[in-house]
Amino acid sequence: MSIDVIFLGLDGVLFDTEALHLAACNAAFANAGLSIRWTLPALRAAAANHGYARALAAAVATPALAREKQRVAELFEDKHRHFHQAILMRPPQAQAAALALIEDATAAGCKICILTDLPAPATSALLERYFGADVTSLFSVVAGGASFDGPAGTGPHARALHAMGVQARDAIAIDTAVPALRAAADAGLWTVSVAPYGTDVVRPRQFITFDALHDLQASPYTPDQQRPAPGLHKAA
């Protein structure tokens, strides 16, 4: 199996952002006059389905709130503002396993790309604060504010691969959220989930080393066991 490109998410993959997202969500709830307050397991449940950046979607799915489009938009905007302020004041730690993967993969000539649904300003702030001027040399593609909800095969993974001239079978996406993993799988990529569940953080570090990825034949952690998506169970 050839690995020419690795797509990494930011939340829970490259950076430990959970505490900052939790605080930002609860601050937005309070500012909006909502009685909702999330615990970490509640955030993780919402993030698994919607991604950390858009975890609030789980809270506004009620008919009453869903009808108030302006209020919902303001809630998301406030959450993003709190999160951005937090990463400037308390930059999150980078994950050691992801840093090792980046080092080993780039040494082997593999391209590393960042695709995330975090707003572009937050994406830039996170990467620049940790990697500084090396961002442009380390990462072949950096895209914040990505939407993973488009038709199969037309999303950000497919567009990035087309621009780089790389086949989907030679690319892997590592993320924590179903939307990103499903979009990658629908585009034909191999996928690995490193999502946390409940009160425990399940980070299968052995599956995100560069050597182990070479032996990957199917993702051991599928985003939806009831709906195997294309790319999750391909032979090498």
Protein backbone atom coordinates (compact mmCIF):
# COMPACT_ATOMS: atom_id res chain seq x y z
CA MET A 1 0.00 0.00 0.00
CA SER A 2 1.33 3.42 -0.95
CA ILE A 3 0.68 6.38 1.33
CA ASP A 4 1.21 9.58 -0.61
CA VAL A 5 -1.05 11.89 1.41
CA ILE A 6 -2.27 11.97 5.01
CA PHE A 7 -5.15 14.27 5.91
CA LEU A 8 -5.25 15.29 9.56
CA GLY A 9 -8.03 16.96 11.48
CA LEU A 10 -7.09 19.45 14.18
CA ASP A 11 -9.54 18.78 17.01
CA GLY A 12 -8.40 15.73 18.96
CA VAL A 13 -5.96 14.70 16.23
CA LEU A 14 -3.23 17.33 16.09
CA PHE A 15 -4.33 19.38 19.12
CA ASP A 16 -6.06 18.66 22.41
CA THR A 17 -8.87 21.21 22.15
CA GLU A 18 -11.66 19.53 24.13
CA ALA A 19 -11.51 21.70 27.24
CA LEU A 20 -11.51 24.89 25.16
CA HIS A 21 -14.48 23.75 23.08
CA LEU A 22 -16.40 22.77 26.21
CA ALA A 23 -15.83 26.15 27.84
CA ALA A 24 -16.73 27.98 24.61
CA CYS A 25 -19.97 26.03 24.19
CA ASN A 26 -21.09 26.65 27.76
CA ALA A 27 -20.19 30.34 27.53
CA ALA A 28 -22.28 30.64 24.37
CA PHE A 29 -25.20 28.85 26.03
CA ALA A 30 -25.03 31.24 28.99
CA ASN A 31 -24.79 34.35 26.81
CA ALA A 32 -27.82 33.19 24.81
CA GLY A 33 -29.87 32.75 27.97
CA LEU A 34 -30.14 28.99 27.51
CA SER A 35 -30.21 26.66 30.50
CA ILE A 36 -28.09 24.05 28.69
CA ARG A 37 -24.72 23.24 30.25
CA TRP A 38 -22.60 20.46 28.82
CA THR A 39 -20.29 18.05 30.58
CA LEU A 40 -17.34 16.52 28.73
CA PRO A 41 -19.24 13.31 27.79
CA ALA A 42 -22.08 15.45 26.38
CA LEU A 43 -19.62 17.45 24.27
CA ARG A 44 -18.00 14.25 23.02
CA ALA A 45 -21.34 12.77 22.02
CA ALA A 46 -22.22 15.93 20.09
CA ALA A 47 -18.76 16.22 18.53
CA ALA A 48 -18.78 12.61 17.36
CA ASN A 49 -21.79 13.37 15.16
CA HIS A 50 -21.14 16.99 14.22
CA GLY A 51 -17.45 17.68 14.85
CA TYR A 52 -16.13 19.84 17.68
CA ALA A 53 -16.44 23.09 15.75
CA ARG A 54 -20.13 22.48 15.07
CA ALA A 55 -21.00 20.46 18.17
CA LEU A 56 -23.66 23.06 19.03
CA ALA A 57 -25.75 21.59 16.22
CA ALA A 58 -26.75 18.85 18.65
CA ALA A 59 -28.16 21.42 21.08
CA VAL A 60 -30.12 23.45 18.52
CA ALA A 61 -31.79 20.47 16.87
CA THR A 62 -35.00 21.01 18.86
CA PRO A 63 -37.89 22.37 16.74
CA ALA A 64 -38.18 25.51 18.87
CA LEU A 65 -34.55 26.53 18.41
CA ALA A 66 -34.22 25.26 14.86
CA ARG A 67 -36.86 27.78 13.75
CA GLU A 68 -34.86 30.69 15.18
CA LYS A 69 -32.21 30.79 12.48
CA GLN A 70 -30.78 34.16 13.49
CA ARG A 71 -30.47 33.10 17.12
CA VAL A 72 -28.77 29.87 16.09
CA ALA A 73 -26.34 31.75 13.86
CA GLU A 74 -25.50 34.12 16.72
CA LEU A 75 -24.98 31.15 19.05
CA PHE A 76 -22.44 29.60 16.68
CA GLU A 77 -20.72 32.94 16.16
CA ASP A 78 -20.43 33.49 19.91
CA LYS A 79 -19.05 29.99 20.44
CA HIS A 80 -16.43 30.49 17.72
CA ARG A 81 -15.47 33.85 19.24
CA HIS A 82 -14.97 32.34 22.71
CA PHE A 83 -12.95 29.46 21.26
CA HIS A 84 -10.73 31.79 19.24
CA GLN A 85 -10.03 33.97 22.26
CA ALA A 86 -9.20 30.87 24.30
CA ILE A 87 -6.64 29.51 21.85
CA LEU A 88 -4.91 32.89 21.80
CA MET A 89 -4.78 33.06 25.59
CA ARG A 90 -4.15 29.35 26.31
CA PRO A 91 -2.83 27.60 23.20
CA PRO A 92 -3.66 23.88 23.40
CA GLN A 93 -1.00 21.21 23.49
CA ALA A 94 -0.12 19.35 20.32
CA GLN A 95 -0.55 15.58 20.39
CA ALA A 96 2.81 13.82 20.58
CA ALA A 97 1.62 10.90 18.43
CA ALA A 98 0.49 13.25 15.66
CA LEU A 99 3.78 15.15 15.73
CA ALA A 100 5.71 11.89 15.45
CA LEU A 101 3.50 10.83 12.54
CA ILE A 102 4.13 14.12 10.74
CA GLU A 103 7.89 13.78 11.22
CA ASP A 104 8.03 10.17 10.01
CA ALA A 105 5.64 10.73 7.11
CA THR A 106 7.38 13.82 5.77
CA ALA A 107 10.75 12.08 6.06
CA ALA A 108 9.32 9.36 3.81
CA GLY A 109 8.14 11.91 1.25
CA CYS A 110 4.46 11.78 2.22
CA LYS A 111 2.39 14.96 1.98
CA ILE A 112 0.56 16.14 5.10
CA CYS A 113 -2.68 18.08 4.70
CA ILE A 114 -4.94 19.79 7.23
CA LEU A 115 -8.69 19.73 6.65
CA THR A 116 -10.90 20.98 9.45
CA ASP A 117 -14.32 22.50 10.02
CA LEU A 118 -12.80 24.95 12.49
CA PRO A 119 -13.17 28.50 11.17
CA ALA A 120 -10.21 29.60 9.07
CA PRO A 121 -9.00 32.25 11.58
CA ALA A 122 -8.89 29.67 14.39
CA THR A 123 -7.15 27.18 12.11
CA SER A 124 -4.47 29.71 11.23
CA ALA A 125 -4.02 30.77 14.85
CA LEU A 126 -3.56 27.19 16.07
CA LEU A 127 -1.07 26.22 13.38
CA GLU A 128 0.94 29.44 13.40
CA ARG A 129 1.26 29.52 17.18
CA TYR A 130 2.72 26.02 17.21
CA PHE A 131 4.55 25.69 13.89
CA GLY A 132 5.28 29.34 13.12
CA ALA A 133 6.81 29.96 9.71
CA ASP A 134 7.07 26.21 9.08
CA VAL A 135 3.33 25.89 8.37
CA THR A 136 3.72 26.41 4.63
CA SER A 137 6.64 24.00 4.32
CA LEU A 138 5.16 21.26 6.53
CA PHE A 139 1.63 21.14 5.12
CA SER A 140 0.76 20.79 1.45
CA VAL A 141 -2.84 21.88 2.05
CA VAL A 142 -4.38 23.81 4.93
CA ALA A 143 -8.13 24.39 4.77
CA GLY A 144 -10.20 25.74 7.64
CA GLY A 145 -13.97 26.12 7.59
CA ALA A 146 -14.29 22.98 5.48
CA SER A 147 -17.78 21.60 4.83
CA PHE A 148 -18.08 17.83 4.88
CA ASP A 149 -21.79 17.69 4.02
CA GLY A 150 -21.65 17.85 0.22
CA PRO A 151 -22.45 15.05 -2.25
CA ALA A 152 -20.16 12.01 -2.12
CA GLY A 153 -16.86 12.51 -3.86
CA THR A 154 -17.17 16.30 -4.20
CA GLY A 155 -15.91 17.39 -0.78
CA PRO A 156 -12.64 18.96 0.37
CA HIS A 157 -10.70 15.68 0.34
CA ALA A 158 -11.58 14.99 -3.28
CA ARG A 159 -10.74 18.55 -4.34
CA ALA A 160 -7.40 18.50 -2.53
CA LEU A 161 -6.43 15.15 -4.06
CA HIS A 162 -7.38 16.37 -7.53
CA ALA A 163 -5.24 19.48 -7.09
CA MET A 164 -2.26 17.36 -5.98
CA GLY A 165 -2.78 14.69 -8.64
CA VAL A 166 -3.02 11.89 -6.06
CA GLN A 167 -5.36 8.89 -6.20
CA ALA A 168 -7.76 8.40 -3.29
CA ARG A 169 -6.47 4.86 -2.71
CA ASP A 170 -3.09 6.37 -1.82
CA ALA A 171 -4.45 8.71 0.85
CA ILE A 172 -5.55 8.33 4.47
CA ALA A 173 -7.74 10.62 6.58
CA ILE A 174 -7.39 10.66 10.37
CA ASP A 175 -10.11 12.47 12.29
CA THR A 176 -12.45 12.33 15.27
CA ALA A 177 -15.86 13.16 13.79
CA VAL A 178 -18.29 11.23 11.62
CA PRO A 179 -18.84 14.01 9.02
CA ALA A 180 -15.14 14.31 8.17
CA LEU A 181 -14.56 10.55 8.21
CA ARG A 182 -17.64 9.86 6.10
CA ALA A 183 -16.68 12.52 3.55
CA ALA A 184 -13.21 11.01 3.28
CA ALA A 185 -14.57 7.47 2.96
CA ASP A 186 -17.08 8.57 0.33
CA ALA A 187 -14.19 10.07 -1.63
CA GLY A 188 -12.46 6.68 -1.55
CA LEU A 189 -9.83 7.37 1.13
CA TRP A 190 -8.75 5.05 3.89
CA THR A 191 -9.95 6.36 7.25
CA VAL A 192 -8.89 6.07 10.87
CA SER A 193 -10.95 7.46 13.74
CA VAL A 194 -9.24 8.60 16.93
CA ALA A 195 -12.44 9.77 18.58
CA PRO A 196 -12.92 9.83 22.35
CA TYR A 197 -15.98 8.09 23.75
CA GLY A 198 -17.92 8.75 26.95
CA THR A 199 -15.70 9.57 29.89
CA ASP A 200 -12.62 7.83 28.49
CA VAL A 201 -10.34 9.01 25.73
CA VAL A 202 -9.73 6.21 23.28
CA ARG A 203 -6.72 7.17 21.22
CA PRO A 204 -5.43 4.13 19.34
CA ARG A 205 -1.90 5.48 19.01
CA GLN A 206 -0.68 2.26 17.41
CA PHE A 207 -2.89 3.01 14.41
CA ILE A 208 -1.53 6.48 13.79
CA THR A 209 2.14 5.65 13.53
CA PHE A 210 3.44 5.87 9.98
CA ASP A 211 4.69 2.27 10.00
CA ALA A 212 1.33 0.93 11.20
CA LEU A 213 -0.58 2.90 8.58
CA HIS A 214 1.39 1.12 5.90
CA ASP A 215 -0.11 -2.17 7.08
CA LEU A 216 -3.64 -0.84 7.28
CA GLN A 217 -6.16 -2.85 5.25
CA ALA A 218 -9.32 -1.55 6.86
CA SER A 219 -10.05 1.06 9.47
CA PRO A 220 -10.43 -0.69 12.85
CA TYR A 221 -12.61 2.16 14.14
CA THR A 222 -15.40 2.88 11.68
CA PRO A 223 -17.47 6.04 12.16
CA ASP A 224 -20.73 4.14 11.72
CA GLN A 225 -20.77 0.38 12.16
CA GLN A 226 -24.27 0.21 10.69
CA ARG A 227 -23.31 2.06 7.53
CA PRO A 228 -19.91 1.00 6.21
CA ALA A 229 -18.90 3.74 3.83
CA PRO A 230 -16.81 3.22 0.68
CA GLY A 231 -13.14 3.16 1.52
CA LEU A 232 -13.50 1.70 5.00
CA HIS A 233 -13.13 -1.94 4.03
CA LYS A 234 -10.86 -2.03 1.01
CA ALA A 235 -8.15 -4.57 0.47
CA ALA A 236 -4.63 -3.26 0.24
